[in-house]
């Protein structure tokens, strides 16, 4: 996952290249997925058969269901990928398709045996998601409801 650019505030200052200085101060390798109070533009390459097969059972491995504390715009720029939602829904995305994630549990799966999928994401830090009076915390552990592939 490549970090192309980031800001440390939702309204960056261009004066004296303040935004450039803030971006270059972040180590792209150790930078958090979501820049607190800021934005991140990332390129993600999803390899063929990204949901691997368990050699013992022959069943697909568990897709990494996750929720970020952010508003995400994901654009498919090459290949094809399935967006898996915790509701059990699956949406196949193709070149030019855009997903908007608003703090929802989701996973990505590339079912192609040969083709990579490349996506560009813009992640904007957000307040915690609340549904039914309950805080839905960020979850990068792979928790959440199981998908049809599980």
N, C-alpha and C. Protein backbone atom coordinates (compact mmCIF):
# COMPACT_ATOMS: atom_id res chain seq x y z
N UNK A 1 0.85 -1.17 0.00
CA UNK A 1 0.00 0.00 0.00
C UNK A 1 0.90 1.24 0.00
N UNK A 2 0.75 2.04 -1.01
CA UNK A 2 1.55 3.26 -1.17
C UNK A 2 0.82 4.48 -0.63
N UNK A 3 1.51 5.30 0.13
CA UNK A 3 0.97 6.58 0.57
C UNK A 3 1.45 7.63 -0.42
N UNK A 4 0.53 8.12 -1.27
CA UNK A 4 0.91 9.12 -2.28
C UNK A 4 1.02 10.51 -1.70
N UNK A 5 0.06 10.84 -0.82
CA UNK A 5 0.06 12.17 -0.24
C UNK A 5 -0.80 12.14 1.01
N UNK A 6 -0.54 13.05 1.91
CA UNK A 6 -1.33 13.13 3.15
C UNK A 6 -1.36 14.56 3.64
N UNK A 7 -2.37 14.83 4.46
CA UNK A 7 -2.43 16.11 5.16
C UNK A 7 -2.68 15.80 6.63
N UNK A 8 -2.30 16.69 7.48
CA UNK A 8 -2.49 16.47 8.92
C UNK A 8 -3.65 17.27 9.48
N UNK A 9 -4.32 18.01 8.61
CA UNK A 9 -5.53 18.75 8.99
C UNK A 9 -6.53 18.61 7.85
N UNK A 10 -7.83 18.77 8.14
CA UNK A 10 -8.81 18.69 7.06
C UNK A 10 -8.76 19.88 6.11
N UNK A 11 -8.19 20.99 6.58
CA UNK A 11 -8.04 22.18 5.74
C UNK A 11 -6.58 22.59 5.75
N UNK A 12 -5.76 21.95 4.91
CA UNK A 12 -4.32 22.21 4.94
C UNK A 12 -3.96 23.62 4.46
N UNK A 13 -2.84 24.09 4.97
CA UNK A 13 -2.32 25.39 4.55
C UNK A 13 -1.23 25.17 3.49
N UNK A 14 -1.31 25.94 2.41
CA UNK A 14 -0.29 25.88 1.37
C UNK A 14 0.79 26.95 1.58
N UNK A 15 0.56 27.83 2.55
CA UNK A 15 1.50 28.90 2.83
C UNK A 15 2.83 28.32 3.26
N UNK A 16 3.89 28.78 2.63
CA UNK A 16 5.25 28.32 2.91
C UNK A 16 5.36 26.79 2.82
N UNK A 17 4.52 26.21 1.96
CA UNK A 17 4.53 24.75 1.74
C UNK A 17 4.31 23.95 3.01
N UNK A 18 3.47 24.48 3.90
CA UNK A 18 3.20 23.81 5.18
C UNK A 18 2.66 22.39 4.95
N UNK A 19 1.80 22.22 3.95
CA UNK A 19 1.25 20.88 3.68
C UNK A 19 2.35 19.92 3.23
N UNK A 20 3.27 20.40 2.38
CA UNK A 20 4.38 19.56 1.92
C UNK A 20 5.28 19.14 3.08
N UNK A 21 5.56 20.08 3.96
CA UNK A 21 6.41 19.77 5.12
C UNK A 21 5.74 18.73 6.03
N UNK A 22 4.44 18.88 6.24
CA UNK A 22 3.71 17.92 7.09
C UNK A 22 3.71 16.53 6.45
N UNK A 23 3.53 16.49 5.12
CA UNK A 23 3.52 15.20 4.43
C UNK A 23 4.88 14.52 4.48
N UNK A 24 5.93 15.27 4.18
CA UNK A 24 7.26 14.65 4.16
C UNK A 24 7.75 14.28 5.55
N UNK A 25 7.14 14.84 6.59
CA UNK A 25 7.52 14.46 7.96
C UNK A 25 6.99 13.07 8.32
N UNK A 26 5.98 12.59 7.58
CA UNK A 26 5.45 11.24 7.83
C UNK A 26 6.30 10.21 7.10
N UNK A 27 6.66 9.15 7.79
CA UNK A 27 7.34 8.03 7.16
C UNK A 27 6.28 7.20 6.44
N UNK A 28 6.35 7.08 5.10
CA UNK A 28 5.29 6.37 4.38
C UNK A 28 5.15 4.91 4.78
N UNK A 29 6.19 4.33 5.35
CA UNK A 29 6.14 2.93 5.77
C UNK A 29 5.41 2.77 7.10
N UNK A 30 5.63 3.71 8.02
CA UNK A 30 5.04 3.59 9.36
C UNK A 30 3.85 4.52 9.59
N UNK A 31 3.51 5.32 8.59
CA UNK A 31 2.38 6.25 8.74
C UNK A 31 1.11 5.46 9.02
N UNK A 32 0.24 5.97 9.87
CA UNK A 32 -1.02 5.26 10.14
C UNK A 32 -1.88 5.19 8.88
N UNK A 33 -2.71 4.18 8.82
CA UNK A 33 -3.62 4.03 7.68
C UNK A 33 -4.46 5.30 7.51
N UNK A 34 -5.02 5.78 8.62
CA UNK A 34 -5.79 7.02 8.64
C UNK A 34 -4.95 8.05 9.37
N UNK A 35 -4.68 9.18 8.73
CA UNK A 35 -3.92 10.24 9.39
C UNK A 35 -4.88 10.98 10.31
N UNK A 36 -4.63 10.95 11.63
CA UNK A 36 -5.56 11.61 12.56
C UNK A 36 -5.83 13.06 12.18
N UNK A 37 -7.09 13.42 12.09
CA UNK A 37 -7.55 14.78 11.76
C UNK A 37 -7.15 15.22 10.36
N UNK A 38 -6.70 14.27 9.52
CA UNK A 38 -6.23 14.65 8.19
C UNK A 38 -6.76 13.76 7.09
N UNK A 39 -5.99 13.68 6.01
CA UNK A 39 -6.37 12.89 4.84
C UNK A 39 -5.18 12.07 4.37
N UNK A 40 -5.49 11.03 3.60
CA UNK A 40 -4.44 10.22 3.00
C UNK A 40 -4.91 9.77 1.63
N UNK A 41 -4.02 9.82 0.66
CA UNK A 41 -4.30 9.28 -0.68
C UNK A 41 -3.37 8.09 -0.85
N UNK A 42 -3.96 6.92 -1.08
CA UNK A 42 -3.19 5.69 -1.14
C UNK A 42 -3.51 4.91 -2.41
N UNK A 43 -2.52 4.17 -2.90
CA UNK A 43 -2.71 3.22 -3.98
C UNK A 43 -2.59 1.83 -3.37
N UNK A 44 -3.58 0.98 -3.67
CA UNK A 44 -3.57 -0.38 -3.13
C UNK A 44 -3.66 -1.36 -4.30
N UNK A 45 -2.73 -2.30 -4.34
CA UNK A 45 -2.73 -3.36 -5.33
C UNK A 45 -3.23 -4.64 -4.67
N UNK A 46 -4.26 -5.24 -5.25
CA UNK A 46 -4.87 -6.45 -4.71
C UNK A 46 -4.56 -7.59 -5.67
N UNK A 47 -3.76 -8.53 -5.22
CA UNK A 47 -3.28 -9.60 -6.09
C UNK A 47 -4.34 -10.60 -6.50
N UNK A 48 -4.02 -11.36 -7.56
CA UNK A 48 -4.94 -12.42 -7.99
C UNK A 48 -5.23 -13.38 -6.84
N UNK A 49 -6.47 -13.82 -6.77
CA UNK A 49 -6.90 -14.75 -5.73
C UNK A 49 -6.46 -14.27 -4.36
N UNK A 50 -6.73 -12.99 -4.08
CA UNK A 50 -6.26 -12.39 -2.84
C UNK A 50 -6.88 -13.03 -1.61
N UNK A 51 -8.00 -13.72 -1.76
CA UNK A 51 -8.55 -14.51 -0.66
C UNK A 51 -8.04 -15.92 -0.90
N UNK A 52 -7.05 -16.32 -0.12
CA UNK A 52 -6.38 -17.59 -0.38
C UNK A 52 -7.24 -18.78 0.04
N UNK A 53 -6.85 -19.94 -0.41
CA UNK A 53 -7.56 -21.18 -0.10
C UNK A 53 -6.84 -21.91 1.01
N UNK A 54 -7.58 -22.38 2.00
CA UNK A 54 -7.02 -23.19 3.08
C UNK A 54 -6.66 -24.55 2.48
N UNK A 55 -5.38 -24.93 2.52
CA UNK A 55 -4.92 -26.16 1.90
C UNK A 55 -5.53 -27.41 2.54
N UNK A 56 -5.87 -27.34 3.83
CA UNK A 56 -6.41 -28.51 4.52
C UNK A 56 -7.90 -28.71 4.24
N UNK A 57 -8.67 -27.62 4.22
CA UNK A 57 -10.12 -27.75 4.07
C UNK A 57 -10.59 -27.48 2.65
N UNK A 58 -9.77 -26.80 1.86
CA UNK A 58 -10.17 -26.43 0.51
C UNK A 58 -11.11 -25.24 0.47
N UNK A 59 -11.41 -24.65 1.64
CA UNK A 59 -12.31 -23.49 1.71
C UNK A 59 -11.50 -22.21 1.64
N UNK A 60 -12.18 -21.15 1.16
CA UNK A 60 -11.54 -19.84 1.11
C UNK A 60 -11.20 -19.36 2.51
N UNK A 61 -10.10 -18.65 2.62
CA UNK A 61 -9.74 -18.03 3.89
C UNK A 61 -10.69 -16.87 4.18
N UNK A 62 -10.70 -16.42 5.40
CA UNK A 62 -11.57 -15.34 5.82
C UNK A 62 -11.08 -14.01 5.25
N UNK A 63 -11.93 -13.30 4.49
CA UNK A 63 -11.53 -11.96 4.05
C UNK A 63 -11.38 -11.05 5.27
N UNK A 64 -10.50 -10.09 5.20
CA UNK A 64 -10.26 -9.18 6.31
C UNK A 64 -11.38 -8.15 6.38
N UNK A 65 -12.43 -8.46 7.13
CA UNK A 65 -13.49 -7.49 7.38
C UNK A 65 -12.92 -6.43 8.31
N UNK A 66 -13.11 -5.17 7.94
CA UNK A 66 -12.54 -4.09 8.75
C UNK A 66 -13.39 -2.83 8.63
N UNK A 67 -13.21 -1.95 9.61
CA UNK A 67 -13.86 -0.64 9.61
C UNK A 67 -12.79 0.39 9.97
N UNK A 68 -12.73 1.44 9.19
CA UNK A 68 -11.82 2.54 9.51
C UNK A 68 -12.64 3.72 10.01
N UNK A 69 -12.02 4.52 10.83
CA UNK A 69 -12.68 5.73 11.34
C UNK A 69 -12.41 6.85 10.35
N UNK A 70 -13.07 6.68 9.18
CA UNK A 70 -12.82 7.61 8.09
C UNK A 70 -13.93 7.51 7.05
N UNK A 71 -13.97 8.53 6.21
CA UNK A 71 -14.79 8.53 5.01
C UNK A 71 -13.82 8.18 3.89
N UNK A 72 -14.10 7.10 3.15
CA UNK A 72 -13.18 6.63 2.13
C UNK A 72 -13.83 6.66 0.76
N UNK A 73 -13.08 7.16 -0.21
CA UNK A 73 -13.48 7.07 -1.61
C UNK A 73 -12.49 6.12 -2.26
N UNK A 74 -12.97 5.00 -2.79
CA UNK A 74 -12.10 4.03 -3.45
C UNK A 74 -12.47 3.91 -4.92
N UNK A 75 -11.49 4.09 -5.80
CA UNK A 75 -11.71 4.07 -7.25
C UNK A 75 -10.90 2.93 -7.85
N UNK A 76 -11.58 2.06 -8.60
CA UNK A 76 -10.88 0.98 -9.31
C UNK A 76 -10.25 1.58 -10.56
N UNK A 77 -8.92 1.47 -10.67
CA UNK A 77 -8.23 2.01 -11.85
C UNK A 77 -7.76 0.91 -12.79
N UNK A 78 -7.66 -0.34 -12.30
CA UNK A 78 -7.40 -1.47 -13.18
C UNK A 78 -7.89 -2.75 -12.51
N UNK A 79 -8.32 -3.70 -13.34
CA UNK A 79 -8.78 -4.98 -12.82
C UNK A 79 -10.21 -4.93 -12.33
N UNK A 80 -10.52 -5.88 -11.47
CA UNK A 80 -11.87 -6.04 -10.94
C UNK A 80 -11.75 -6.55 -9.51
N UNK A 81 -12.67 -6.16 -8.65
CA UNK A 81 -12.62 -6.56 -7.24
C UNK A 81 -14.04 -6.64 -6.69
N UNK A 82 -14.23 -7.54 -5.74
CA UNK A 82 -15.50 -7.63 -5.04
C UNK A 82 -15.41 -6.86 -3.74
N UNK A 83 -16.41 -6.04 -3.49
CA UNK A 83 -16.58 -5.36 -2.21
C UNK A 83 -17.56 -6.20 -1.40
N UNK A 84 -17.11 -6.71 -0.25
CA UNK A 84 -17.93 -7.54 0.62
C UNK A 84 -18.38 -6.68 1.79
N UNK A 85 -19.68 -6.67 2.05
CA UNK A 85 -20.23 -5.88 3.15
C UNK A 85 -20.66 -6.80 4.29
N UNK A 86 -20.65 -6.28 5.51
CA UNK A 86 -21.00 -7.12 6.65
C UNK A 86 -22.47 -7.54 6.65
N UNK A 87 -23.27 -6.94 5.78
CA UNK A 87 -24.67 -7.35 5.64
C UNK A 87 -24.79 -8.64 4.84
N UNK A 88 -23.66 -9.07 4.23
CA UNK A 88 -23.67 -10.25 3.38
C UNK A 88 -23.72 -9.90 1.90
N UNK A 89 -23.95 -8.63 1.60
CA UNK A 89 -24.00 -8.20 0.20
C UNK A 89 -22.60 -8.20 -0.41
N UNK A 90 -22.54 -8.46 -1.71
CA UNK A 90 -21.30 -8.39 -2.48
C UNK A 90 -21.56 -7.52 -3.70
N UNK A 91 -20.63 -6.62 -3.99
CA UNK A 91 -20.72 -5.78 -5.18
C UNK A 91 -19.43 -5.96 -5.97
N UNK A 92 -19.55 -6.33 -7.24
CA UNK A 92 -18.38 -6.42 -8.10
C UNK A 92 -18.09 -5.05 -8.67
N UNK A 93 -16.85 -4.61 -8.51
CA UNK A 93 -16.44 -3.30 -8.99
C UNK A 93 -15.46 -3.46 -10.14
N UNK A 94 -15.65 -2.63 -11.16
CA UNK A 94 -14.80 -2.67 -12.35
C UNK A 94 -14.15 -1.30 -12.55
N UNK A 95 -13.27 -1.21 -13.53
CA UNK A 95 -12.55 0.03 -13.80
C UNK A 95 -13.51 1.21 -13.87
N UNK A 96 -13.20 2.25 -13.11
CA UNK A 96 -14.01 3.46 -13.10
C UNK A 96 -15.06 3.48 -12.00
N UNK A 97 -15.35 2.33 -11.40
CA UNK A 97 -16.32 2.29 -10.31
C UNK A 97 -15.74 2.91 -9.05
N UNK A 98 -16.62 3.53 -8.27
CA UNK A 98 -16.22 4.21 -7.04
C UNK A 98 -17.03 3.66 -5.87
N UNK A 99 -16.34 3.32 -4.80
CA UNK A 99 -17.01 2.91 -3.55
C UNK A 99 -16.84 4.04 -2.55
N UNK A 100 -17.91 4.33 -1.83
CA UNK A 100 -17.84 5.29 -0.74
C UNK A 100 -18.11 4.52 0.54
N UNK A 101 -17.11 4.47 1.41
CA UNK A 101 -17.23 3.77 2.68
C UNK A 101 -17.36 4.80 3.79
N UNK A 102 -18.41 4.67 4.57
CA UNK A 102 -18.71 5.62 5.64
C UNK A 102 -18.67 4.92 6.98
N UNK A 103 -17.49 4.42 7.35
CA UNK A 103 -17.34 3.76 8.63
C UNK A 103 -18.02 2.40 8.68
N UNK A 104 -18.19 1.75 7.54
CA UNK A 104 -18.86 0.45 7.49
C UNK A 104 -17.85 -0.70 7.51
N UNK A 105 -18.29 -1.85 8.02
CA UNK A 105 -17.46 -3.05 7.96
C UNK A 105 -17.48 -3.55 6.52
N UNK A 106 -16.30 -3.86 5.99
CA UNK A 106 -16.20 -4.31 4.61
C UNK A 106 -14.90 -5.05 4.40
N UNK A 107 -14.81 -5.73 3.25
CA UNK A 107 -13.58 -6.42 2.85
C UNK A 107 -13.50 -6.36 1.33
N UNK A 108 -12.30 -6.66 0.82
CA UNK A 108 -12.06 -6.67 -0.62
C UNK A 108 -11.60 -8.06 -1.03
N UNK A 109 -12.04 -8.53 -2.22
CA UNK A 109 -11.63 -9.85 -2.70
C UNK A 109 -11.43 -9.78 -4.21
N UNK A 110 -10.24 -10.18 -4.65
CA UNK A 110 -9.94 -10.28 -6.08
C UNK A 110 -10.07 -11.76 -6.45
N UNK A 111 -11.09 -12.09 -7.23
CA UNK A 111 -11.33 -13.49 -7.60
C UNK A 111 -10.58 -13.91 -8.87
N UNK A 112 -9.94 -12.97 -9.55
CA UNK A 112 -9.24 -13.32 -10.78
C UNK A 112 -8.06 -14.24 -10.47
N UNK A 113 -7.83 -15.19 -11.36
CA UNK A 113 -6.70 -16.09 -11.19
C UNK A 113 -5.41 -15.48 -11.73
N UNK A 114 -5.52 -14.44 -12.55
CA UNK A 114 -4.32 -13.91 -13.21
C UNK A 114 -4.15 -12.40 -13.11
N UNK A 115 -5.24 -11.65 -12.96
CA UNK A 115 -5.18 -10.20 -13.04
C UNK A 115 -5.12 -9.53 -11.66
N UNK A 116 -4.27 -8.53 -11.55
CA UNK A 116 -4.22 -7.70 -10.35
C UNK A 116 -5.30 -6.64 -10.44
N UNK A 117 -5.71 -6.14 -9.30
CA UNK A 117 -6.62 -5.00 -9.22
C UNK A 117 -5.85 -3.86 -8.55
N UNK A 118 -5.96 -2.67 -9.12
CA UNK A 118 -5.36 -1.48 -8.49
C UNK A 118 -6.47 -0.51 -8.16
N UNK A 119 -6.42 -0.01 -6.92
CA UNK A 119 -7.40 0.98 -6.47
C UNK A 119 -6.67 2.18 -5.90
N UNK A 120 -7.29 3.34 -6.07
CA UNK A 120 -6.80 4.57 -5.44
C UNK A 120 -7.84 4.93 -4.39
N UNK A 121 -7.37 5.16 -3.17
CA UNK A 121 -8.24 5.52 -2.06
C UNK A 121 -7.89 6.90 -1.54
N UNK A 122 -8.91 7.69 -1.24
CA UNK A 122 -8.75 8.92 -0.48
C UNK A 122 -9.47 8.67 0.83
N UNK A 123 -8.72 8.72 1.94
CA UNK A 123 -9.27 8.46 3.27
C UNK A 123 -9.25 9.76 4.06
N UNK A 124 -10.41 10.13 4.57
CA UNK A 124 -10.55 11.38 5.32
C UNK A 124 -10.96 11.03 6.74
N UNK A 125 -10.14 11.40 7.70
CA UNK A 125 -10.42 11.08 9.11
C UNK A 125 -11.81 11.61 9.47
N UNK A 126 -12.52 10.83 10.29
CA UNK A 126 -13.87 11.22 10.68
C UNK A 126 -14.07 11.04 12.19
N UNK A 127 -15.20 11.51 12.64
CA UNK A 127 -15.61 11.24 14.01
C UNK A 127 -15.99 9.76 14.08
N UNK A 128 -16.12 9.23 15.29
CA UNK A 128 -16.55 7.85 15.44
C UNK A 128 -17.95 7.67 14.85
N UNK A 129 -18.16 6.52 14.22
CA UNK A 129 -19.49 6.20 13.70
C UNK A 129 -20.38 5.76 14.86
N UNK A 130 -21.62 6.22 14.84
CA UNK A 130 -22.60 5.85 15.86
C UNK A 130 -23.85 5.36 15.15
N UNK A 131 -24.33 4.20 15.56
CA UNK A 131 -25.58 3.65 14.99
C UNK A 131 -26.43 3.12 16.14
N UNK A 132 -27.67 3.54 16.19
CA UNK A 132 -28.56 3.09 17.25
C UNK A 132 -28.06 3.46 18.63
N UNK A 133 -27.36 4.59 18.72
CA UNK A 133 -26.83 5.04 20.00
C UNK A 133 -25.56 4.32 20.43
N UNK A 134 -25.06 3.42 19.60
CA UNK A 134 -23.86 2.63 19.93
C UNK A 134 -22.68 3.09 19.06
N UNK A 135 -21.53 3.33 19.71
CA UNK A 135 -20.32 3.70 18.99
C UNK A 135 -19.78 2.48 18.26
N UNK A 136 -19.49 2.65 16.97
CA UNK A 136 -18.91 1.58 16.16
C UNK A 136 -17.42 1.90 15.99
N UNK A 137 -16.57 1.30 16.81
CA UNK A 137 -15.15 1.68 16.79
C UNK A 137 -14.43 1.18 15.54
N UNK A 138 -13.30 1.83 15.26
CA UNK A 138 -12.44 1.34 14.19
C UNK A 138 -12.06 -0.09 14.50
N UNK A 139 -12.02 -0.94 13.47
CA UNK A 139 -11.70 -2.35 13.67
C UNK A 139 -10.87 -2.82 12.49
N UNK A 140 -9.57 -2.95 12.71
CA UNK A 140 -8.67 -3.43 11.66
C UNK A 140 -8.24 -4.87 11.92
N UNK A 141 -8.91 -5.53 12.87
CA UNK A 141 -8.50 -6.87 13.30
C UNK A 141 -9.05 -7.99 12.43
N UNK A 142 -10.01 -7.66 11.54
CA UNK A 142 -10.63 -8.71 10.77
C UNK A 142 -11.89 -9.22 11.44
N UNK A 143 -12.37 -8.52 12.47
CA UNK A 143 -13.59 -8.93 13.16
C UNK A 143 -14.81 -8.59 12.34
N UNK A 144 -15.96 -8.70 12.95
CA UNK A 144 -17.20 -8.37 12.27
C UNK A 144 -17.92 -9.60 11.80
N UNK A 145 -19.06 -9.39 11.16
CA UNK A 145 -19.87 -10.51 10.68
C UNK A 145 -19.15 -11.27 9.59
N UNK A 146 -19.42 -12.53 9.54
CA UNK A 146 -18.81 -13.37 8.50
C UNK A 146 -19.49 -13.10 7.16
N UNK A 147 -18.72 -13.26 6.11
CA UNK A 147 -19.25 -13.06 4.76
C UNK A 147 -19.59 -14.42 4.16
N UNK A 148 -20.22 -14.40 3.01
CA UNK A 148 -20.61 -15.64 2.34
C UNK A 148 -19.42 -16.53 2.03
N UNK A 149 -18.21 -15.96 1.96
CA UNK A 149 -17.02 -16.74 1.63
C UNK A 149 -16.51 -17.53 2.82
N UNK A 150 -17.08 -17.29 4.01
CA UNK A 150 -16.51 -17.90 5.19
C UNK A 150 -17.14 -19.21 5.53
